[in-house]
Structure formats: structure tokens, C-alpha cells
Protein backbone atom coordinates (compact mmCIF):
# COMPACT_ATOMS: atom_id res chain seq x y z
CA MET A 1 -12.60 -12.13 16.81
CA LYS A 2 -9.08 -10.76 17.31
CA LYS A 3 -7.52 -13.59 15.17
CA ILE A 4 -9.80 -12.51 12.30
CA ILE A 5 -9.81 -8.87 12.68
CA ILE A 6 -6.20 -8.27 12.82
CA PRO A 7 -4.78 -10.19 9.48
CA ARG A 8 -7.63 -8.18 7.65
CA MET A 9 -6.58 -4.89 9.21
CA ASN A 10 -2.75 -5.78 8.46
CA PHE A 11 -3.67 -6.77 4.66
CA PHE A 12 -5.87 -3.32 4.68
CA PHE A 13 -2.72 -1.23 5.58
CA ALA A 14 -0.14 -3.50 3.40
CA LEU A 15 -2.94 -2.38 0.20
CA VAL A 16 -2.64 1.33 1.31
CA LEU A 17 1.11 1.17 1.71
CA GLU A 18 1.59 -0.57 -1.74
CA LYS A 19 -0.77 1.91 -3.60
CA LYS A 20 1.57 4.72 -1.71
CA PHE A 21 4.91 3.21 -2.71
CA THR A 22 3.22 2.23 -6.51
CA LEU A 23 2.21 6.08 -6.95
CA ARG A 24 5.50 7.61 -5.66
CA GLY A 25 7.40 4.96 -8.49
CA VAL A 26 4.80 6.20 -10.97
CA ASN A 27 5.43 10.03 -9.82
CA ILE A 28 9.23 9.41 -9.74
CA ALA A 29 9.09 7.65 -13.51
CA ASN A 30 6.77 10.57 -15.07
CA GLU A 31 9.53 13.20 -13.61
CA LYS A 32 12.44 11.55 -14.89
CA ILE A 33 10.69 11.11 -18.46
């Protein structure tokens, strides 16, 4: 069970972090424009 849960959690956190970074990138781009 742990082998299945851990990769899913890591994948979930990776998606969350990616969304945060992309949102920051968009905000920075909007500020520059």
C-alpha cells in the first residue's frame, strides 16, 4: 500500500508546486506588461 500511496502523493505535490510556479510566472509576466 505504501508503495502505491507515496508516488501518488509525490505526484500530487508536484502538480500543486507546478501550479504555484506557473501562477507566479503568469503574475510576473502580467506585472512586466
